[in-house]
PDB file of N, CA and C in Angstrom:
ATOM      1  N   MET A   1     -44.086 129.710  93.239  1.00  0.00           N
ATOM      2  CA  MET A   1     -45.123 128.715  93.316  1.00  0.00           C
ATOM      3  C   MET A   1     -44.668 127.460  92.563  1.00  0.00           C
ATOM      4  N   LYS A   2     -44.825 126.306  93.197  1.00  0.00           N
ATOM      5  CA  LYS A   2     -44.392 125.054  92.602  1.00  0.00           C
ATOM      6  C   LYS A   2     -45.413 124.594  91.554  1.00  0.00           C
ATOM      7  N   ARG A   3     -44.903 124.254  90.378  1.00  0.00           N
ATOM      8  CA  ARG A   3     -45.750 123.817  89.278  1.00  0.00           C
ATOM      9  C   ARG A   3     -46.067 122.331  89.407  1.00  0.00           C
ATOM     10  N   LYS A   4     -47.312 121.952  89.165  1.00  0.00           N
ATOM     11  CA  LYS A   4     -47.688 120.546  89.211  1.00  0.00           C
ATOM     12  C   LYS A   4     -47.273 119.865  87.918  1.00  0.00           C
ATOM     13  N   LEU A   5     -46.796 118.643  88.037  1.00  0.00           N
ATOM     14  CA  LEU A   5     -46.422 117.859  86.880  1.00  0.00           C
ATOM     15  C   LEU A   5     -47.644 117.140  86.317  1.00  0.00           C
ATOM     16  N   TRP A   6     -47.603 116.790  85.047  1.00  0.00           N
ATOM     17  CA  TRP A   6     -48.729 116.108  84.428  1.00  0.00           C
ATOM     18  C   TRP A   6     -48.991 114.767  85.102  1.00  0.00           C
ATOM     19  N   SER A   7     -47.934 114.098  85.569  1.00  0.00           N
ATOM     20  CA  SER A   7     -48.112 112.801  86.210  1.00  0.00           C
ATOM     21  C   SER A   7     -48.832 112.940  87.554  1.00  0.00           C
ATOM     22  N   GLN A   8     -48.577 114.035  88.247  1.00  0.00           N
ATOM     23  CA  GLN A   8     -49.262 114.278  89.512  1.00  0.00           C
ATOM     24  C   GLN A   8     -50.749 114.510  89.247  1.00  0.00           C
ATOM     25  N   LYS A   9     -51.043 115.232  88.186  1.00  0.00           N
ATOM     26  CA  LYS A   9     -52.438 115.483  87.831  1.00  0.00           C
ATOM     27  C   LYS A   9     -53.159 114.175  87.513  1.00  0.00           C
ATOM     28  N   VAL A  10     -52.469 113.256  86.823  1.00  0.00           N
ATOM     29  CA  VAL A  10     -53.068 111.972  86.479  1.00  0.00           C
ATOM     30  C   VAL A  10     -53.398 111.172  87.731  1.00  0.00           C
ATOM     31  N   THR A  11     -52.462 111.103  88.675  1.00  0.00           N
ATOM     32  CA  THR A  11     -52.714 110.314  89.885  1.00  0.00           C
ATOM     33  C   THR A  11     -53.765 110.965  90.766  1.00  0.00           C
ATOM     34  N   GLU A  12     -53.870 112.282  90.731  1.00  0.00           N
ATOM     35  CA  GLU A  12     -54.859 112.970  91.558  1.00  0.00           C
ATOM     36  C   GLU A  12     -56.255 112.949  90.942  1.00  0.00           C
ATOM     37  N   SER A  13     -56.318 112.971  89.620  1.00  0.00           N
ATOM     38  CA  SER A  13     -57.634 113.074  88.988  1.00  0.00           C
ATOM     39  C   SER A  13     -57.782 112.120  87.811  1.00  0.00           C
ATOM     40  N   SER A  14     -57.486 110.855  88.038  1.00  0.00           N
ATOM     41  CA  SER A  14     -57.643 109.855  86.991  1.00  0.00           C
ATOM     42  C   SER A  14     -59.109 109.728  86.626  1.00  0.00           C
ATOM     43  N   LYS A  15     -59.399 109.716  85.333  1.00  0.00           N
ATOM     44  CA  LYS A  15     -60.782 109.566  84.905  1.00  0.00           C
ATOM     45  C   LYS A  15     -61.206 108.106  84.903  1.00  0.00           C
ATOM     46  N   ALA A  16     -60.243 107.198  84.851  1.00  0.00           N
ATOM     47  CA  ALA A  16     -60.560 105.772  84.850  1.00  0.00           C
ATOM     48  C   ALA A  16     -60.848 105.270  86.261  1.00  0.00           C
ATOM     49  N   LEU A  17     -60.120 105.785  87.235  1.00  0.00           N
ATOM     50  CA  LEU A  17     -60.291 105.360  88.628  1.00  0.00           C
ATOM     51  C   LEU A  17     -60.441 106.583  89.523  1.00  0.00           C
ATOM     52  N   TYR A  18     -61.367 106.511  90.436  1.00  0.00           N
ATOM     53  CA  TYR A  18     -61.491 107.557  91.445  1.00  0.00           C
ATOM     54  C   TYR A  18     -60.726 107.093  92.669  1.00  0.00           C
ATOM     55  N   LEU A  19     -59.551 107.650  92.854  1.00  0.00           N
ATOM     56  CA  LEU A  19     -58.654 107.206  93.914  1.00  0.00           C
ATOM     57  C   LEU A  19     -58.944 107.898  95.234  1.00  0.00           C
ATOM     58  N   GLU A  20     -58.801 107.136  96.290  1.00  0.00           N
ATOM     59  CA  GLU A  20     -58.922 107.681  97.630  1.00  0.00           C
ATOM     60  C   GLU A  20     -57.744 108.623  97.870  1.00  0.00           C
ATOM     61  N   LYS A  21     -57.993 109.725  98.530  1.00  0.00           N
ATOM     62  CA  LYS A  21     -56.925 110.708  98.774  1.00  0.00           C
ATOM     63  C   LYS A  21     -55.807 110.070  99.608  1.00  0.00           C
ATOM     64  N   GLY A  22     -54.576 110.239  99.136  1.00  0.00           N
ATOM     65  CA  GLY A  22     -53.416 109.720  99.853  1.00  0.00           C
ATOM     66  C   GLY A  22     -53.242 108.217  99.745  1.00  0.00           C
ATOM     67  N   VAL A  23     -53.859 107.589  98.749  1.00  0.00           N
ATOM     68  CA  VAL A  23     -53.831 106.129  98.634  1.00  0.00           C
ATOM     69  C   VAL A  23     -52.409 105.570  98.575  1.00  0.00           C
ATOM     70  N   PHE A  24     -51.485 106.296  97.972  1.00  0.00           N
ATOM     71  CA  PHE A  24     -50.125 105.781  97.825  1.00  0.00           C
ATOM     72  C   PHE A  24     -49.268 105.983  99.076  1.00  0.00           C
ATOM     73  N   THR A  25     -49.854 106.567 100.111  1.00  0.00           N
ATOM     74  CA  THR A  25     -49.140 106.708 101.386  1.00  0.00           C
ATOM     75  C   THR A  25     -49.589 105.648 102.391  1.00  0.00           C
ATOM     76  N   PHE A  26     -50.600 104.860 102.019  1.00  0.00           N
ATOM     77  CA  PHE A  26     -51.116 103.810 102.907  1.00  0.00           C
ATOM     78  C   PHE A  26     -50.126 102.655 103.002  1.00  0.00           C
ATOM     79  N   GLY A  27     -50.410 101.769 103.943  1.00  0.00           N
ATOM     80  CA  GLY A  27     -49.652 100.525 104.023  1.00  0.00           C
ATOM     81  C   GLY A  27     -50.009  99.647 102.837  1.00  0.00           C
ATOM     82  N   PRO A  28     -49.202  98.622 102.565  1.00  0.00           N
ATOM     83  CA  PRO A  28     -49.415  97.794 101.378  1.00  0.00           C
ATOM     84  C   PRO A  28     -50.809  97.171 101.267  1.00  0.00           C
ATOM     85  N   ARG A  29     -51.309  96.595 102.327  1.00  0.00           N
ATOM     86  CA  ARG A  29     -52.618  95.921 102.286  1.00  0.00           C
ATOM     87  C   ARG A  29     -53.736  96.928 102.046  1.00  0.00           C
ATOM     88  N   LYS A  30     -53.697  98.029 102.783  1.00  0.00           N
ATOM     89  CA  LYS A  30     -54.740  99.044 102.637  1.00  0.00           C
ATOM     90  C   LYS A  30     -54.675  99.705 101.258  1.00  0.00           C
ATOM     91  N   MET A  31     -53.468  99.911 100.755  1.00  0.00           N
ATOM     92  CA  MET A  31     -53.282 100.484  99.423  1.00  0.00           C
ATOM     93  C   MET A  31     -53.912  99.568  98.369  1.00  0.00           C
ATOM     94  N   ALA A  32     -53.628  98.269  98.475  1.00  0.00           N
ATOM     95  CA  ALA A  32     -54.167  97.299  97.521  1.00  0.00           C
ATOM     96  C   ALA A  32     -55.690  97.230  97.603  1.00  0.00           C
ATOM     97  N   LYS A  33     -56.226  97.227  98.819  1.00  0.00           N
ATOM     98  CA  LYS A  33     -57.682  97.174  98.988  1.00  0.00           C
ATOM     99  C   LYS A  33     -58.352  98.410  98.400  1.00  0.00           C
ATOM    100  N   SER A  34     -57.755  99.559  98.625  1.00  0.00           N
ATOM    101  CA  SER A  34     -58.315 100.802  98.112  1.00  0.00           C
ATOM    102  C   SER A  34     -58.297 100.834  96.591  1.00  0.00           C
ATOM    103  N   LEU A  35     -57.190 100.423  95.994  1.00  0.00           N
ATOM    104  CA  LEU A  35     -57.097 100.371  94.530  1.00  0.00           C
ATOM    105  C   LEU A  35     -58.080  99.361  93.947  1.00  0.00           C
ATOM    106  N   LYS A  36     -58.237  98.232  94.616  1.00  0.00           N
ATOM    107  CA  LYS A  36     -59.194  97.213  94.152  1.00  0.00           C
ATOM    108  C   LYS A  36     -60.611  97.769  94.193  1.00  0.00           C
ATOM    109  N   GLN A  37     -60.953  98.414  95.291  1.00  0.00           N
ATOM    110  CA  GLN A  37     -62.288  98.988  95.428  1.00  0.00           C
ATOM    111  C   GLN A  37     -62.542 100.033  94.343  1.00  0.00           C
ATOM    112  N   SER A  38     -61.579 100.895  94.102  1.00  0.00           N
ATOM    113  CA  SER A  38     -61.719 101.930  93.067  1.00  0.00           C
ATOM    114  C   SER A  38     -61.887 101.304  91.686  1.00  0.00           C
ATOM    115  N   ALA A  39     -61.075 100.295  91.401  1.00  0.00           N
ATOM    116  CA  ALA A  39     -61.126  99.649  90.090  1.00  0.00           C
ATOM    117  C   ALA A  39     -62.429  98.877  89.894  1.00  0.00           C
ATOM    118  N   ASP A  40     -62.881  98.202  90.943  1.00  0.00           N
ATOM    119  CA  ASP A  40     -64.119  97.428  90.852  1.00  0.00           C
ATOM    120  C   ASP A  40     -65.339  98.329  90.650  1.00  0.00           C
ATOM    121  N   GLN A  41     -65.320  99.492  91.254  1.00  0.00           N
ATOM    122  CA  GLN A  41     -66.453 100.410  91.160  1.00  0.00           C
ATOM    123  C   GLN A  41     -66.449 101.239  89.880  1.00  0.00           C
ATOM    124  N   SER A  42     -65.300 101.347  89.240  1.00  0.00           N
ATOM    125  CA  SER A  42     -65.179 102.196  88.062  1.00  0.00           C
ATOM    126  C   SER A  42     -65.932 101.637  86.862  1.00  0.00           C
ATOM    127  N   GLN A  43     -66.652 102.512  86.193  1.00  0.00           N
ATOM    128  CA  GLN A  43     -67.350 102.150  84.959  1.00  0.00           C
ATOM    129  C   GLN A  43     -66.594 102.669  83.739  1.00  0.00           C
ATOM    130  N   ARG A  44     -65.540 103.435  83.977  1.00  0.00           N
ATOM    131  CA  ARG A  44     -64.837 104.100  82.878  1.00  0.00           C
ATOM    132  C   ARG A  44     -63.546 103.414  82.459  1.00  0.00           C
ATOM    133  N   ARG A  45     -63.187 102.348  83.113  1.00  0.00           N
ATOM    134  CA  ARG A  45     -61.934 101.670  82.771  1.00  0.00           C
ATOM    135  C   ARG A  45     -62.089 100.895  81.479  1.00  0.00           C
ATOM    136  N   LYS A  46     -60.965 100.704  80.778  1.00  0.00           N
ATOM    137  CA  LYS A  46     -60.991 100.035  79.480  1.00  0.00           C
ATOM    138  C   LYS A  46     -60.567  98.573  79.562  1.00  0.00           C
ATOM    139  N   SER A  47     -59.925  98.190  80.637  1.00  0.00           N
ATOM    140  CA  SER A  47     -59.493  96.795  80.774  1.00  0.00           C
ATOM    141  C   SER A  47     -60.096  96.222  82.060  1.00  0.00           C
ATOM    142  N   SER A  48     -59.629  95.049  82.457  1.00  0.00           N
ATOM    143  CA  SER A  48     -60.154  94.424  83.676  1.00  0.00           C
ATOM    144  C   SER A  48     -59.817  95.286  84.891  1.00  0.00           C
ATOM    145  N   SER A  49     -60.568  95.096  85.942  1.00  0.00           N
ATOM    146  CA  SER A  49     -60.322  95.902  87.146  1.00  0.00           C
ATOM    147  C   SER A  49     -58.940  95.610  87.731  1.00  0.00           C
ATOM    148  N   PHE A  50     -58.487  94.350  87.640  1.00  0.00           N
ATOM    149  CA  PHE A  50     -57.149  94.014  88.128  1.00  0.00           C
ATOM    150  C   PHE A  50     -56.087  94.794  87.357  1.00  0.00           C
ATOM    151  N   ARG A  51     -56.193  94.796  86.044  1.00  0.00           N
ATOM    152  CA  ARG A  51     -55.202  95.498  85.222  1.00  0.00           C
ATOM    153  C   ARG A  51     -55.226  97.002  85.474  1.00  0.00           C
ATOM    154  N   SER A  52     -56.406  97.559  85.679  1.00  0.00           N
ATOM    155  CA  SER A  52     -56.501  98.994  85.952  1.00  0.00           C
ATOM    156  C   SER A  52     -55.833  99.351  87.274  1.00  0.00           C
ATOM    157  N   ALA A  53     -56.109  98.543  88.296  1.00  0.00           N
ATOM    158  CA  ALA A  53     -55.517  98.797  89.614  1.00  0.00           C
ATOM    159  C   ALA A  53     -53.998  98.632  89.573  1.00  0.00           C
ATOM    160  N   MET A  54     -53.534  97.560  88.934  1.00  0.00           N
ATOM    161  CA  MET A  54     -52.099  97.301  88.848  1.00  0.00           C
ATOM    162  C   MET A  54     -51.416  98.379  88.010  1.00  0.00           C
ATOM    163  N   SER A  55     -52.077  98.818  86.945  1.00  0.00           N
ATOM    164  CA  SER A  55     -51.507  99.864  86.090  1.00  0.00           C
ATOM    165  C   SER A  55     -51.324 101.166  86.848  1.00  0.00           C
ATOM    166  N   MET A  56     -52.303 101.528  87.654  1.00  0.00           N
ATOM    167  CA  MET A  56     -52.203 102.765  88.422  1.00  0.00           C
ATOM    168  C   MET A  56     -51.065 102.676  89.435  1.00  0.00           C
ATOM    169  N   LEU A  57     -50.914 101.521  90.053  1.00  0.00           N
ATOM    170  CA  LEU A  57     -49.836 101.311  91.015  1.00  0.00           C
ATOM    171  C   LEU A  57     -48.468 101.398  90.322  1.00  0.00           C
ATOM    172  N   CYS A  58     -48.342 100.760  89.175  1.00  0.00           N
ATOM    173  CA  CYS A  58     -47.088 100.804  88.415  1.00  0.00           C
ATOM    174  C   CYS A  58     -46.810 102.205  87.885  1.00  0.00           C
ATOM    175  N   PHE A  59     -47.853 102.880  87.433  1.00  0.00           N
ATOM    176  CA  PHE A  59     -47.703 104.243  86.932  1.00  0.00           C
ATOM    177  C   PHE A  59     -47.127 105.142  88.026  1.00  0.00           C
ATOM    178  N   TYR A  60     -47.699 105.048  89.218  1.00  0.00           N
ATOM    179  CA  TYR A  60     -47.211 105.865  90.329  1.00  0.00           C
ATOM    180  C   TYR A  60     -45.751 105.537  90.631  1.00  0.00           C
ATOM    181  N   GLN A  61     -45.443 104.261  90.691  1.00  0.00           N
ATOM    182  CA  GLN A  61     -44.074 103.837  91.003  1.00  0.00           C
ATOM    183  C   GLN A  61     -43.092 104.331  89.945  1.00  0.00           C
ATOM    184  N   ASN A  62     -43.447 104.187  88.687  1.00  0.00           N
ATOM    185  CA  ASN A  62     -42.546 104.592  87.608  1.00  0.00           C
ATOM    186  C   ASN A  62     -42.369 106.103  87.536  1.00  0.00           C
ATOM    187  N   ARG A  63     -43.421 106.853  87.731  1.00  0.00           N
ATOM    188  CA  ARG A  63     -43.331 108.311  87.624  1.00  0.00           C
ATOM    189  C   ARG A  63     -42.626 108.914  88.837  1.00  0.00           C
ATOM    190  N   ALA A  64     -42.775 108.313  90.003  1.00  0.00           N
ATOM    191  CA  ALA A  64     -42.100 108.833  91.192  1.00  0.00           C
ATOM    192  C   ALA A  64     -40.598 108.568  91.097  1.00  0.00           C
ATOM    193  N   GLY A  65     -40.248 107.441  90.504  1.00  0.00           N
ATOM    194  CA  GLY A  65     -38.848 107.113  90.242  1.00  0.00           C
ATOM    195  C   GLY A  65     -37.932 107.195  91.442  1.00  0.00           C
ATOM    196  N   SER A  66     -36.852 107.903  91.288  1.00  0.00           N
ATOM    197  CA  SER A  66     -35.830 107.953  92.334  1.00  0.00           C
ATOM    198  C   SER A  66     -36.233 108.792  93.537  1.00  0.00           C
ATOM    199  N   SER A  67     -37.323 109.541  93.412  1.00  0.00           N
ATOM    200  CA  SER A  67     -37.757 110.349  94.557  1.00  0.00           C
ATOM    201  C   SER A  67     -38.478 109.509  95.619  1.00  0.00           C
ATOM    202  N   LEU A  68     -38.810 108.260  95.285  1.00  0.00           N
ATOM    203  CA  LEU A  68     -39.437 107.366  96.268  1.00  0.00           C
ATOM    204  C   LEU A  68     -38.376 106.824  97.223  1.00  0.00           C
ATOM    205  N   SER A  69     -38.694 106.822  98.490  1.00  0.00           N
ATOM    206  CA  SER A  69     -37.768 106.245  99.471  1.00  0.00           C
ATOM    207  C   SER A  69     -37.792 104.725  99.333  1.00  0.00           C
ATOM    208  N   SER A  70     -36.794 104.074  99.861  1.00  0.00           N
ATOM    209  CA  SER A  70     -36.733 102.616  99.756  1.00  0.00           C
ATOM    210  C   SER A  70     -37.890 101.955 100.494  1.00  0.00           C
ATOM    211  N   THR A  71     -38.344 102.560 101.592  1.00  0.00           N
ATOM    212  CA  THR A  71     -39.476 101.982 102.321  1.00  0.00           C
ATOM    213  C   THR A  71     -40.771 102.089 101.510  1.00  0.00           C
ATOM    214  N   ARG A  72     -40.944 103.201 100.772  1.00  0.00           N
ATOM    215  CA  ARG A  72     -42.140 103.352  99.921  1.00  0.00           C
ATOM    216  C   ARG A  72     -42.080 102.389  98.742  1.00  0.00           C
ATOM    217  N   LYS A  73     -40.881 102.194  98.180  1.00  0.00           N
ATOM    218  CA  LYS A  73     -40.724 101.245  97.079  1.00  0.00           C
ATOM    219  C   LYS A  73     -41.100  99.844  97.542  1.00  0.00           C
ATOM    220  N   GLN A  74     -40.644  99.490  98.738  1.00  0.00           N
ATOM    221  CA  GLN A  74     -40.967  98.177  99.290  1.00  0.00           C
ATOM    222  C   GLN A  74     -42.458  98.058  99.545  1.00  0.00           C
ATOM    223  N   ALA A  75     -43.069  99.122 100.046  1.00  0.00           N
ATOM    224  CA  ALA A  75     -44.513  99.108 100.301  1.00  0.00           C
ATOM    225  C   ALA A  75     -45.294  98.918  99.002  1.00  0.00           C
ATOM    226  N   ILE A  76     -44.847  99.562  97.935  1.00  0.00           N
ATOM    227  CA  ILE A  76     -45.529  99.430  96.639  1.00  0.00           C
ATOM    228  C   ILE A  76     -45.360  98.017  96.092  1.00  0.00           C
ATOM    229  N   GLU A  77     -44.162  97.448  96.221  1.00  0.00           N
ATOM    230  CA  GLU A  77     -43.946  96.068  95.769  1.00  0.00           C
ATOM    231  C   GLU A  77     -44.832  95.099  96.555  1.00  0.00           C
ATOM    232  N   LYS A  78     -44.955  95.334  97.860  1.00  0.00           N
ATOM    233  CA  LYS A  78     -45.819  94.479  98.686  1.00  0.00           C
ATOM    234  C   LYS A  78     -47.294  94.691  98.320  1.00  0.00           C
ATOM    235  N   ALA A  79     -47.644  95.916  97.965  1.00  0.00           N
ATOM    236  CA  ALA A  79     -49.022  96.204  97.547  1.00  0.00           C
ATOM    237  C   ALA A  79     -49.361  95.458  96.258  1.00  0.00           C
ATOM    238  N   LYS A  80     -48.383  95.324  95.369  1.00  0.00           N
ATOM    239  CA  LYS A  80     -48.603  94.555  94.137  1.00  0.00           C
ATOM    240  C   LYS A  80     -48.911  93.099  94.463  1.00  0.00           C
ATOM    241  N   ILE A  81     -48.172  92.554  95.417  1.00  0.00           N
ATOM    242  CA  ILE A  81     -48.393  91.170  95.836  1.00  0.00           C
ATOM    243  C   ILE A  81     -49.782  91.033  96.463  1.00  0.00           C
ATOM    244  N   GLU A  82     -50.146  91.992  97.317  1.00  0.00           N
ATOM    245  CA  GLU A  82     -51.463  91.987  97.952  1.00  0.00           C
ATOM    246  C   GLU A  82     -52.582  92.095  96.917  1.00  0.00           C
ATOM    247  N   LEU A  83     -52.369  92.929  95.919  1.00  0.00           N
ATOM    248  CA  LEU A  83     -53.355  93.104  94.857  1.00  0.00           C
ATOM    249  C   LEU A  83     -53.567  91.784  94.104  1.00  0.00           C
ATOM    250  N   ARG A  84     -52.476  91.092  93.829  1.00  0.00           N
ATOM    251  CA  ARG A  84     -52.600  89.785  93.174  1.00  0.00           C
ATOM    252  C   ARG A  84     -53.373  88.809  94.047  1.00  0.00           C
ATOM    253  N   LYS A  85     -53.122  88.847  95.354  1.00  0.00           N
ATOM    254  CA  LYS A  85     -53.849  87.962  96.281  1.00  0.00           C
ATOM    255  C   LYS A  85     -55.339  88.305  96.290  1.00  0.00           C
ATOM    256  N   LEU A  86     -55.661  89.585  96.344  1.00  0.00           N
ATOM    257  CA  LEU A  86     -57.061  90.012  96.386  1.00  0.00           C
ATOM    258  C   LEU A  86     -57.820  89.582  95.135  1.00  0.00           C
ATOM    259  N   TYR A  87     -57.148  89.591  94.001  1.00  0.00           N
ATOM    260  CA  TYR A  87     -57.784  89.192  92.742  1.00  0.00           C
ATOM    261  C   TYR A  87     -57.551  87.714  92.421  1.00  0.00           C
ATOM    262  N   LYS A  88     -56.887  87.008  93.341  1.00  0.00           N
ATOM    263  CA  LYS A  88     -56.579  85.589  93.161  1.00  0.00           C
ATOM    264  C   LYS A  88     -55.832  85.333  91.849  1.00  0.00           C
ATOM    265  N   LYS A  89     -54.815  86.151  91.611  1.00  0.00           N
ATOM    266  CA  LYS A  89     -53.971  86.019  90.424  1.00  0.00           C
ATOM    267  C   LYS A  89     -52.635  85.423  90.836  1.00  0.00           C
ATOM    268  N   LYS A  90     -52.110  84.583  89.966  1.00  0.00           N
ATOM    269  CA  LYS A  90     -50.784  84.022  90.222  1.00  0.00           C
ATOM    270  C   LYS A  90     -49.725  85.035  89.845  1.00  0.00           C
ATOM    271  N   GLU A  91     -48.636  84.964  90.556  1.00  0.00           N
ATOM    272  CA  GLU A  91     -47.508  85.841  90.261  1.00  0.00           C
ATOM    273  C   GLU A  91     -46.809  85.343  89.000  1.00  0.00           C
ATOM    274  N   PRO A  92     -46.483  86.248  88.069  1.00  0.00           N
ATOM    275  CA  PRO A  92     -45.757  85.820  86.872  1.00  0.00           C
ATOM    276  C   PRO A  92     -44.442  85.142  87.247  1.00  0.00           C
ATOM    277  N   SER A  93     -44.035  84.167  86.478  1.00  0.00           N
ATOM    278  CA  SER A  93     -42.847  83.376  86.814  1.00  0.00           C
ATOM    279  C   SER A  93     -41.580  84.213  86.912  1.00  0.00           C
ATOM    280  N   ASN A  94     -41.456  85.258  86.095  1.00  0.00           N
ATOM    281  CA  ASN A  94     -40.242  86.073  86.135  1.00  0.00           C
ATOM    282  C   ASN A  94     -40.283  87.125  87.238  1.00  0.00           C
ATOM    283  N   CYS A  95     -41.399  87.252  87.911  1.00  0.00           N
ATOM    284  CA  CYS A  95     -41.566  88.288  88.939  1.00  0.00           C
ATOM    285  C   CYS A  95     -40.681  88.026  90.159  1.00  0.00           C
ATOM    286  N   LYS A  96     -40.591  86.779  90.573  1.00  0.00           N
ATOM    287  CA  LYS A  96     -39.792  86.446  91.749  1.00  0.00           C
ATOM    288  C   LYS A  96     -38.326  86.780  91.523  1.00  0.00           C
ATOM    289  N   GLU A  97     -37.844  86.483  90.324  1.00  0.00           N
ATOM    290  CA  GLU A  97     -36.445  86.791  89.999  1.00  0.00           C
ATOM    291  C   GLU A  97     -36.206  88.295  90.010  1.00  0.00           C
ATOM    292  N   LYS A  98     -37.121  89.046  89.429  1.00  0.00           N
ATOM    293  CA  LYS A  98     -36.987  90.507  89.403  1.00  0.00           C
ATOM    294  C   LYS A  98     -36.981  91.075  90.815  1.00  0.00           C
ATOM    295  N   ARG A  99     -37.860  90.543  91.675  1.00  0.00           N
ATOM    296  CA  ARG A  99     -37.935  91.042  93.040  1.00  0.00           C
ATOM    297  C   ARG A  99     -36.635  90.761  93.785  1.00  0.00           C
ATOM    298  N   LYS A 100     -36.049  89.590  93.561  1.00  0.00           N
ATOM    299  CA  LYS A 100     -34.771  89.262  94.195  1.00  0.00           C
ATOM    300  C   LYS A 100     -33.686  90.227  93.734  1.00  0.00           C
ATOM    301  N   LYS A 101     -33.640  90.486  92.416  1.00  0.00           N
ATOM    302  CA  LYS A 101     -32.642  91.409  91.869  1.00  0.00           C
ATOM    303  C   LYS A 101     -32.833  92.815  92.417  1.00  0.00           C
ATOM    304  N   THR A 102     -34.091  93.247  92.521  1.00  0.00           N
ATOM    305  CA  THR A 102     -34.384  94.575  93.061  1.00  0.00           C
ATOM    306  C   THR A 102     -33.955  94.664  94.519  1.00  0.00           C
ATOM    307  N   LYS A 103     -34.234  93.626  95.270  1.00  0.00           N
ATOM    308  CA  LYS A 103     -33.867  93.604  96.690  1.00  0.00           C
ATOM    309  C   LYS A 103     -32.351  93.685  96.846  1.00  0.00           C
ATOM    310  N   ILE A 104     -31.644  92.924  96.033  1.00  0.00           N
ATOM    311  CA  ILE A 104     -30.170  92.935  96.082  1.00  0.00           C
ATOM    312  C   ILE A 104     -29.655  94.325  95.703  1.00  0.00           C
ATOM    313  N   ARG A 105     -30.209  94.896  94.640  1.00  0.00           N
ATOM    314  CA  ARG A 105     -29.796  96.232  94.190  1.00  0.00           C
ATOM    315  C   ARG A 105     -30.025  97.271  95.295  1.00  0.00           C
ATOM    316  N   MET A 106     -31.169  97.204  95.971  1.00  0.00           N
ATOM    317  CA  MET A 106     -31.480  98.174  97.023  1.00  0.00           C
ATOM    318  C   MET A 106     -30.535  97.999  98.214  1.00  0.00           C
ATOM    319  N   GLN A 107     -30.175  96.768  98.516  1.00  0.00           N
ATOM    320  CA  GLN A 107     -29.233  96.518  99.616  1.00  0.00           C
ATOM    321  C   GLN A 107     -27.853  97.038  99.265  1.00  0.00           C
ATOM    322  N   ASN A 108     -27.459  96.881  98.011  1.00  0.00           N
ATOM    323  CA  ASN A 108     -26.151  97.373  97.564  1.00  0.00           C
ATOM    324  C   ASN A 108     -26.085  98.897  97.628  1.00  0.00           C
ATOM    325  N   ARG A 109     -27.181  99.576  97.338  1.00  0.00           N
ATOM    326  CA  ARG A 109     -27.207 101.031  97.403  1.00  0.00           C
ATOM    327  C   ARG A 109     -27.040 101.542  98.832  1.00  0.00           C
ATOM    328  N   LYS A 110     -27.572 100.786  99.781  1.00  0.00           N
ATOM    329  CA  LYS A 110     -27.446 101.179 101.190  1.00  0.00           C
ATOM    330  C   LYS A 110     -26.009 101.089 101.674  1.00  0.00           C
ATOM    331  N   ASN A 111     -25.256 100.136 101.119  1.00  0.00           N
ATOM    332  CA  ASN A 111     -23.870  99.912 101.557  1.00  0.00           C
ATOM    333  C   ASN A 111     -22.910 100.870 100.940  1.00  0.00           C
TER     334      ASN A 111
END
């Protein structure tokens, strides 16, 4: 029997956000909308709804690590952009540079 990891338990049963089942398998726009809805409705979060939604997205990305396919990584990065658009937040100035470096790194791995 496969043992569940603590990180899987967190994403499945977060007390701060009630996540829609399979939210991280959605397309970027739908993923961002679902996280926004969960964060906006939550009464148990400790920070702003934007930060809670973005934190959950980053948490999933970081904990999945190398087991995420390149298409899922790209979908999560696009979901972050969509989330910023939904909350009308500007992208941090260093974010564009990081995304370029990540894109280059992912292309180099394919070759």
